[in-house]
Every structure is written in C-alpha cells, then in structure tokens.
C-alpha cells in the first residue's frame, strides 16, 4: 500500500486556503489537522475540508503534538516564521513555510542550524516553482549563451492598498493593523512580494554557475516608504556582465514577469509567479515572436503538495534547494538594508 503523507496547517489565511483546496486532487497526501486563533476561520476550514474536531486546534502549540502529522505548513505572518519553524523541528515535524522563510539572514541561519541537526525537510513556500511551466521556462533560459546576456528584469507587485486616486493622490490611508503594512509582523513589499523575482533571479544565476550570484552587487535602490513600510522598491544591480533590475510593490500592479535580454533575442516569461492559462514564454528575434502558452490545468499548489509529499515518501531531501533558499534570504536581506 502506498504511503500517504499527513499534513497540518497553522494560520488559516489565503495561502493555507489555496493549499487546502488541492488535497482532494492528490493521491499521496491528506490534510488532517488545522490550527488558528480565529474561531470563525477554524470553523469554516473544519466544515469545508472535513477536519475532525479533535484535529482542529485553537492553540498553535498543540498541533505539533499530533503524532500522525508528517509535515506542517506555516502560514503565519513573516515575523512568526522562525519561532514556528524551530517549534516544528523540536517536535520532529517537516516544514513548508510560507514565503519568505523568515525576515532576515541571521534568523535563517538559526533555522538552518537546527535543520542540519535533525535532517528534516524545511522548504520555502514559493508554490510557482513546483509547476511544470516554471521548469519549462528555466529549461529555455538554460539554453541561452550566458556570455550574450546583458540584462535581466523582473517584477512582482499588486495594488494591495486599493482605494480611489484623484490627480495621482490616493485617498485611502494605510491600515497598519494589516499584516502587509505592519512592520512588527514583517510586512512590506520586499518581504511579501520581492521574494518572487529574487528567487527567480537566484534560480537563473544558478543555471549559469561561474559565481554569478556571489558577484551580484546592488548599485541603486529606489523606495516609496510610509510608516516605515516599503510600499514600492526597485533595485538596480550587476553581476559580472549582466545588469539586473527587480521591482516589487504593494501599491502598483506591475508586469509580474521576467525579461532576459541577449545580443540576439529577448526572452519574456509572462505571468511566471501566478501561473495560469495566461502564462507564456515568448522568444523575440528581429521583431518576430514565437509564443509558447501554458496548457497544464493543475495549479501550482497541487504540484507543491504532490512533490513535497513524494520527497518525504522517498526520504529524498534536497540540500541543493535548501542552499537556494539561503541565497534567497541573503539577497532579500541585502535589499532590505538598502531601504
């Protein structure tokens, strides 16, 4: 009989809901437990996803004591990630933690130290990386002659503030009680959205080796800041012969894509972060465009659950991907310091 990996969720926000909705489509995974301090969310999840009363916890600590759980998804604010990653490892639970894994490099090193002791799986929840379209995109980029690449641009941003603008001025005020706009909860555009283009750039630079990542340096950073929260941030950097531009925002709808420029062509990966039927890979040579559209129907969360569960079944932990997570948070930490 095939092993089924048992999952628990802590924090029942959008990310947890997206994950929970996909367990019905997998054959190697089962959602058995949830935890939330919000009674209404706990009741809603219990009903919708058929969670038993005994496996619905109002105290986060109690879910770790459930011996049936193999892996826990931590969907709490960024400022809580380190504490609950370490708590999970204390109880020998594997972990998938919502992106970013934590909010600074020193915090990550503490998590890494415990991970190495226990040899448990700790993964960062950038779900789009598990989708076959993401792999297809990296395969296209891996075939480029890196000596001809001179610029890479990527952006991820949405208008999370909302409200009307009059003559370019927004009337709606920032609500610092909300996670995205609360410094003490690890809010801000860089931590919330910047991880997407940053981790994509790290993956691309890893394709080409030659110390591309280690040689990356930020030359300039442009920020829009209010209440100590970065609402929009754009960095300009360079690694060897490649110029890199990355932008993220909580107040603007950005392109949410990737553009790689070589001497002969432009590769555009559209909708790479929220992969859907609108995602495509465009190759532009001498104003002629070849376009490959994503035709895979399952979403990124389905593939994320399926792959992590399979890794646990096979006891096949991925140190190389853990190394990439380290590069992600180091990159983000350097960006945050430039605010």
Protein backbone atom coordinates (compact mmCIF):
# COMPACT_ATOMS: atom_id res chain seq x y z
CA UNK A 1 0.00 0.00 0.00
CA UNK A 2 1.33 3.45 -0.94
CA UNK A 3 2.20 5.75 1.93
CA UNK A 4 0.03 8.85 2.38
CA UNK A 5 1.74 11.94 3.81
CA UNK A 6 -0.36 13.61 6.54
CA UNK A 7 -0.39 17.43 6.62
CA UNK A 8 -1.28 20.08 9.18
CA UNK A 9 -1.79 23.81 8.60
CA UNK A 10 -1.01 26.64 11.04
CA UNK A 11 -2.59 30.00 10.26
CA UNK A 12 -5.64 29.89 8.00
CA UNK A 13 -5.12 32.77 5.58
CA UNK A 14 -5.19 32.78 1.78
CA UNK A 15 -2.08 30.64 1.34
CA UNK A 16 -3.46 27.92 3.63
CA UNK A 17 -6.81 28.02 1.84
CA UNK A 18 -5.13 27.63 -1.55
CA UNK A 19 -3.17 24.63 -0.29
CA UNK A 20 -6.12 23.04 1.47
CA UNK A 21 -8.24 23.24 -1.68
CA UNK A 22 -5.81 21.00 -3.60
CA UNK A 23 -5.51 17.97 -1.31
CA UNK A 24 -8.62 16.42 -2.90
CA UNK A 25 -6.71 16.22 -6.19
CA UNK A 26 -3.61 14.43 -4.88
CA UNK A 27 -3.07 10.72 -4.31
CA UNK A 28 -0.09 10.86 -1.93
CA UNK A 29 -1.28 13.46 0.59
CA UNK A 30 -4.01 14.14 3.12
CA UNK A 31 -4.89 17.22 5.15
CA UNK A 32 -5.75 16.03 8.66
CA UNK A 33 -5.22 18.98 11.05
CA UNK A 34 -5.51 22.76 11.27
CA UNK A 35 -4.68 25.44 13.83
CA UNK A 36 -5.90 29.01 14.17
CA UNK A 37 -6.55 31.51 16.93
CA UNK A 38 -9.51 32.86 14.94
CA UNK A 39 -12.62 30.84 15.84
CA UNK A 40 -14.56 31.70 12.66
CA UNK A 41 -11.71 30.58 10.39
CA UNK A 42 -11.29 27.38 12.34
CA UNK A 43 -14.98 26.56 11.95
CA UNK A 44 -15.01 27.43 8.23
CA UNK A 45 -11.98 25.25 7.48
CA UNK A 46 -13.36 22.36 9.54
CA UNK A 47 -16.56 22.34 7.53
CA UNK A 48 -15.11 22.93 4.10
CA UNK A 49 -12.22 20.46 4.38
CA UNK A 50 -13.80 17.82 6.66
CA UNK A 51 -11.40 18.23 9.58
CA UNK A 52 -12.39 16.42 12.78
CA UNK A 53 -12.97 18.41 15.96
CA UNK A 54 -10.06 16.69 17.70
CA UNK A 55 -7.68 17.83 14.92
CA UNK A 56 -8.79 21.49 14.90
CA UNK A 57 -6.63 23.43 17.35
CA UNK A 58 -7.07 26.92 18.78
CA UNK A 59 -3.63 26.68 20.39
CA UNK A 60 -0.80 26.52 17.82
CA UNK A 61 1.45 24.51 20.12
CA UNK A 62 -0.98 21.60 20.32
CA UNK A 63 -0.86 20.77 16.61
CA UNK A 64 2.82 19.86 16.94
CA UNK A 65 1.91 17.17 19.48
CA UNK A 66 -0.21 15.31 16.91
CA UNK A 67 1.95 12.26 16.14
CA UNK A 68 0.07 11.48 12.92
CA UNK A 69 1.28 14.64 11.15
CA UNK A 70 4.29 14.30 8.85
CA UNK A 71 4.60 17.89 7.63
CA UNK A 72 3.26 21.24 8.79
CA UNK A 73 2.59 24.28 6.63
CA UNK A 74 3.28 27.54 8.47
CA UNK A 75 1.02 30.24 7.02
CA UNK A 76 1.57 32.87 9.73
CA UNK A 77 3.00 36.41 9.39
CA UNK A 78 6.69 36.65 8.45
CA UNK A 79 7.73 37.72 11.94
CA UNK A 80 6.49 34.38 13.34
CA UNK A 81 8.17 32.06 10.85
CA UNK A 82 11.39 31.45 12.75
CA UNK A 83 9.67 30.62 16.03
CA UNK A 84 7.31 28.09 14.49
CA UNK A 85 9.92 26.56 12.19
CA UNK A 86 12.03 25.84 15.27
CA UNK A 87 8.98 24.60 17.16
CA UNK A 88 8.19 22.18 14.33
CA UNK A 89 11.76 20.90 14.27
CA UNK A 90 11.63 20.46 18.06
CA UNK A 91 8.76 18.02 17.51
CA UNK A 92 10.47 16.36 14.53
CA UNK A 93 8.00 17.75 12.00
CA UNK A 94 8.94 18.52 8.43
CA UNK A 95 8.06 22.07 7.41
CA UNK A 96 6.74 24.02 4.46
CA UNK A 97 6.75 27.69 5.44
CA UNK A 98 5.04 30.47 3.52
CA UNK A 99 7.49 32.72 1.67
CA UNK A 100 9.83 34.17 2.68
CA UNK A 101 11.17 31.54 5.04
CA UNK A 102 11.99 34.31 7.53
CA UNK A 103 12.63 38.05 7.57
CA UNK A 104 16.43 38.30 7.85
CA UNK A 105 19.56 36.27 7.20
CA UNK A 106 20.56 35.76 10.85
CA UNK A 107 17.16 34.26 11.56
CA UNK A 108 17.58 31.90 8.62
CA UNK A 109 20.96 30.71 9.91
CA UNK A 110 19.34 29.71 13.21
CA UNK A 111 16.75 27.66 11.32
CA UNK A 112 19.43 26.11 9.12
CA UNK A 113 21.49 25.06 12.15
CA UNK A 114 18.56 23.10 13.61
CA UNK A 115 17.62 21.66 10.22
CA UNK A 116 21.13 20.22 9.81
CA UNK A 117 20.93 18.64 13.26
CA UNK A 118 17.60 16.92 12.60
CA UNK A 119 17.88 16.22 8.86
CA UNK A 120 14.25 17.22 8.36
CA UNK A 121 12.73 18.87 5.33
CA UNK A 122 12.34 22.65 5.52
CA UNK A 123 11.06 24.29 2.35
CA UNK A 124 10.02 27.81 1.39
CA UNK A 125 6.51 28.18 0.00
CA UNK A 126 7.07 29.75 -3.40
CA UNK A 127 4.46 27.47 -4.95
CA UNK A 128 5.03 28.57 -8.57
CA UNK A 129 8.42 26.80 -8.57
CA UNK A 130 6.71 23.41 -8.47
CA UNK A 131 4.64 23.99 -11.59
CA UNK A 132 5.87 22.30 -14.82
CA UNK A 133 5.61 25.66 -16.60
CA UNK A 134 8.30 27.06 -14.28
CA UNK A 135 10.58 24.15 -15.20
CA UNK A 136 9.86 24.74 -18.90
CA UNK A 137 10.83 28.39 -18.51
CA UNK A 138 14.12 27.55 -16.79
CA UNK A 139 14.90 24.99 -19.50
CA UNK A 140 14.51 27.68 -22.16
CA UNK A 141 16.79 30.03 -20.21
CA UNK A 142 19.38 27.31 -19.60
CA UNK A 143 19.91 27.01 -23.35
CA UNK A 144 20.91 30.66 -23.69
CA UNK A 145 24.56 31.58 -24.14
CA UNK A 146 25.15 33.41 -20.86
CA UNK A 147 28.06 35.34 -22.37
CA UNK A 148 25.49 37.12 -24.57
CA UNK A 149 23.07 38.04 -21.76
CA UNK A 150 23.39 41.70 -20.84
CA UNK A 151 20.19 42.43 -18.86
CA UNK A 152 17.59 40.63 -16.75
CA UNK A 153 14.43 42.38 -15.49
CA UNK A 154 11.72 41.00 -13.25
CA UNK A 155 8.83 42.43 -11.25
CA UNK A 156 6.09 41.29 -8.92
CA UNK A 157 3.51 43.64 -7.49
CA UNK A 158 -0.19 44.24 -6.97
CA UNK A 159 -2.24 47.10 -5.57
CA UNK A 160 -2.99 45.66 -2.14
CA UNK A 161 -3.95 49.06 -0.73
CA UNK A 162 -6.84 49.80 -3.09
CA UNK A 163 -8.99 52.93 -2.96
CA UNK A 164 -9.53 55.71 -5.46
CA UNK A 165 -6.86 58.06 -6.75
CA UNK A 166 -7.57 61.71 -7.56
CA UNK A 167 -4.93 63.54 -9.62
CA UNK A 168 -2.48 60.79 -8.74
CA UNK A 169 -3.11 61.02 -4.98
CA UNK A 170 -4.68 58.09 -3.17
CA UNK A 171 -7.39 58.92 -0.67
CA UNK A 172 -7.27 55.64 1.23
CA UNK A 173 -4.96 55.55 4.24
CA UNK A 174 -2.66 52.67 5.09
CA UNK A 175 -4.06 50.32 7.72
CA UNK A 176 -1.06 49.31 9.82
CA UNK A 177 -3.16 46.65 11.56
CA UNK A 178 -2.99 44.60 8.38
CA UNK A 179 -0.07 42.21 8.05
CA UNK A 180 1.15 43.60 4.72
CA UNK A 181 1.53 47.11 6.14
CA UNK A 182 2.71 46.24 9.65
CA UNK A 183 6.45 46.41 10.33
CA UNK A 184 6.28 44.29 13.50
CA UNK A 185 4.63 41.46 11.52
CA UNK A 186 7.32 41.54 8.83
CA UNK A 187 5.22 43.39 6.29
CA UNK A 188 6.37 45.43 3.31
CA UNK A 189 6.74 44.94 -0.42
CA UNK A 190 10.25 43.48 -0.31
CA UNK A 191 9.45 40.63 2.08
CA UNK A 192 5.95 39.94 0.81
CA UNK A 193 6.46 40.20 -2.95
CA UNK A 194 10.17 40.68 -3.57
CA UNK A 195 10.87 37.04 -2.77
CA UNK A 196 9.23 36.02 -6.07
CA UNK A 197 11.53 37.84 -8.51
CA UNK A 198 14.52 37.41 -6.18
CA UNK A 199 14.16 33.62 -6.01
CA UNK A 200 13.64 33.51 -9.78
CA UNK A 201 16.83 35.50 -10.38
CA UNK A 202 18.70 33.17 -7.99
CA UNK A 203 17.46 30.16 -9.96
CA UNK A 204 18.55 31.76 -13.24
CA UNK A 205 22.01 32.69 -11.98
CA UNK A 206 22.39 29.14 -10.64
CA UNK A 207 21.81 27.84 -14.16
CA UNK A 208 24.98 29.56 -15.35
CA UNK A 209 27.22 28.85 -12.32
CA UNK A 210 30.51 30.81 -12.62
CA UNK A 211 29.84 32.61 -9.32
CA UNK A 212 27.18 34.82 -10.90
CA UNK A 213 25.23 35.05 -7.65
CA UNK A 214 28.26 35.62 -5.43
CA UNK A 215 29.32 38.53 -7.64
CA UNK A 216 25.94 40.28 -7.52
CA UNK A 217 26.00 43.79 -6.08
CA UNK A 218 23.17 46.32 -5.65
CA UNK A 219 24.15 49.67 -7.14
CA UNK A 220 20.99 51.68 -6.54
CA UNK A 221 17.68 51.28 -4.73
CA UNK A 222 14.55 53.42 -5.19
CA UNK A 223 11.87 53.25 -2.49
CA UNK A 224 8.45 54.57 -1.61
CA UNK A 225 8.10 54.31 2.17
CA UNK A 226 5.29 55.15 4.61
CA UNK A 227 5.04 54.23 8.30
CA UNK A 228 8.43 52.51 7.93
CA UNK A 229 6.90 50.10 5.40
CA UNK A 230 8.34 49.82 1.90
CA UNK A 231 5.30 50.21 -0.39
CA UNK A 232 7.35 50.01 -3.57
CA UNK A 233 11.01 49.20 -4.08
CA UNK A 234 13.20 48.85 -7.15
CA UNK A 235 16.84 47.77 -7.22
CA UNK A 236 19.46 48.06 -9.92
CA UNK A 237 22.39 45.71 -9.66
CA UNK A 238 25.10 43.98 -11.61
CA UNK A 239 26.77 40.59 -11.67
CA UNK A 240 29.76 40.30 -13.97
CA UNK A 241 28.46 41.41 -17.39
CA UNK A 242 24.70 41.29 -16.57
CA UNK A 243 22.58 44.26 -15.41
CA UNK A 244 19.72 43.21 -13.15
CA UNK A 245 16.56 45.17 -12.34
CA UNK A 246 13.99 43.93 -9.82
CA UNK A 247 10.85 45.75 -8.66
CA UNK A 248 8.13 44.89 -6.17
CA UNK A 249 5.10 46.80 -4.94
CA UNK A 250 2.11 46.79 -2.61
CA UNK A 251 0.55 49.82 -4.30
CA UNK A 252 1.02 49.24 -8.05
CA UNK A 253 0.04 46.49 -10.46
CA UNK A 254 3.37 45.52 -12.04
CA UNK A 255 4.06 43.29 -15.05
CA UNK A 256 4.70 40.19 -12.89
CA UNK A 257 7.02 38.74 -15.50
CA UNK A 258 10.64 38.14 -16.44
CA UNK A 259 12.60 39.58 -19.36
CA UNK A 260 16.04 38.32 -20.37
CA UNK A 261 17.94 40.34 -23.00
CA UNK A 262 20.75 38.93 -25.11
CA UNK A 263 22.58 40.42 -28.08
CA UNK A 264 20.33 38.49 -30.45
CA UNK A 265 16.99 37.96 -28.73
CA UNK A 266 14.61 38.75 -25.89
CA UNK A 267 13.01 36.02 -23.78
CA UNK A 268 9.83 37.09 -21.96
CA UNK A 269 8.24 34.79 -19.38
CA UNK A 270 4.76 36.18 -18.78
CA UNK A 271 2.76 35.52 -15.61
CA UNK A 272 5.55 33.39 -14.12
CA UNK A 273 4.53 33.94 -10.50
CA UNK A 274 0.78 33.24 -10.67
CA UNK A 275 0.88 30.51 -13.27
CA UNK A 276 -2.32 30.07 -15.27
CA UNK A 277 -3.57 29.77 -18.85
CA UNK A 278 -2.26 33.35 -19.30
CA UNK A 279 1.31 32.23 -18.66
CA UNK A 280 3.53 32.07 -21.72
CA UNK A 281 7.12 32.01 -22.95
CA UNK A 282 7.90 34.47 -25.73
CA UNK A 283 11.06 34.41 -27.80
CA UNK A 284 11.58 37.59 -29.80
CA UNK A 285 14.20 37.63 -32.56
CA UNK A 286 14.36 40.52 -35.04
CA UNK A 287 10.78 41.57 -34.14
CA UNK A 288 9.47 38.05 -34.82
CA UNK A 289 7.78 36.41 -31.84
CA UNK A 290 7.43 32.73 -31.06
CA UNK A 291 4.98 32.16 -28.21
CA UNK A 292 4.50 29.01 -26.11
CA UNK A 293 1.41 29.06 -23.87
CA UNK A 294 0.99 27.08 -20.66
CA UNK A 295 -1.59 24.35 -21.26
CA UNK A 296 -1.31 22.50 -17.94
CA UNK A 297 -4.55 22.86 -15.99
CA UNK A 298 -3.49 21.96 -12.43
CA UNK A 299 -2.34 24.88 -10.30
CA UNK A 300 0.95 25.45 -8.50
CA UNK A 301 -0.36 24.43 -5.07
CA UNK A 302 -1.32 20.99 -6.38
CA UNK A 303 2.23 20.40 -7.60
CA UNK A 304 3.72 21.82 -4.41
CA UNK A 305 1.80 19.37 -2.20
CA UNK A 306 2.44 16.45 -4.54
CA UNK A 307 6.20 16.99 -4.86
CA UNK A 308 6.89 17.69 -1.19
CA UNK A 309 4.88 14.63 -0.19
CA UNK A 310 6.77 12.49 -2.68
CA UNK A 311 10.11 13.73 -1.36
CA UNK A 312 9.04 12.69 2.13
CA UNK A 313 7.87 9.28 0.91
CA UNK A 314 11.23 8.70 -0.78
CA UNK A 315 13.19 10.32 2.07
CA UNK A 316 14.85 12.35 -0.67
CA UNK A 317 15.65 15.72 0.84
CA UNK A 318 17.04 18.39 -1.41
CA UNK A 319 20.08 20.08 0.06
CA UNK A 320 20.70 21.98 -3.16
CA UNK A 321 17.29 23.61 -2.98
CA UNK A 322 17.90 24.45 0.66
CA UNK A 323 21.08 26.20 -0.48
CA UNK A 324 18.97 28.25 -2.89
CA UNK A 325 16.68 29.29 -0.03
CA UNK A 326 19.78 30.58 1.76
CA UNK A 327 20.67 32.65 -1.29
CA UNK A 328 17.11 33.98 -1.49
CA UNK A 329 17.06 35.29 2.07
CA UNK A 330 20.61 36.67 1.80
CA UNK A 331 19.56 38.57 -1.34
CA UNK A 332 16.39 39.86 0.37
CA UNK A 333 18.32 40.90 3.49
CA UNK A 334 20.73 42.96 1.40
CA UNK A 335 17.79 44.59 -0.37
CA UNK A 336 16.04 45.43 2.91
CA UNK A 337 19.21 47.09 4.20
CA UNK A 338 19.04 49.47 1.21
CA UNK A 339 15.55 50.75 2.15
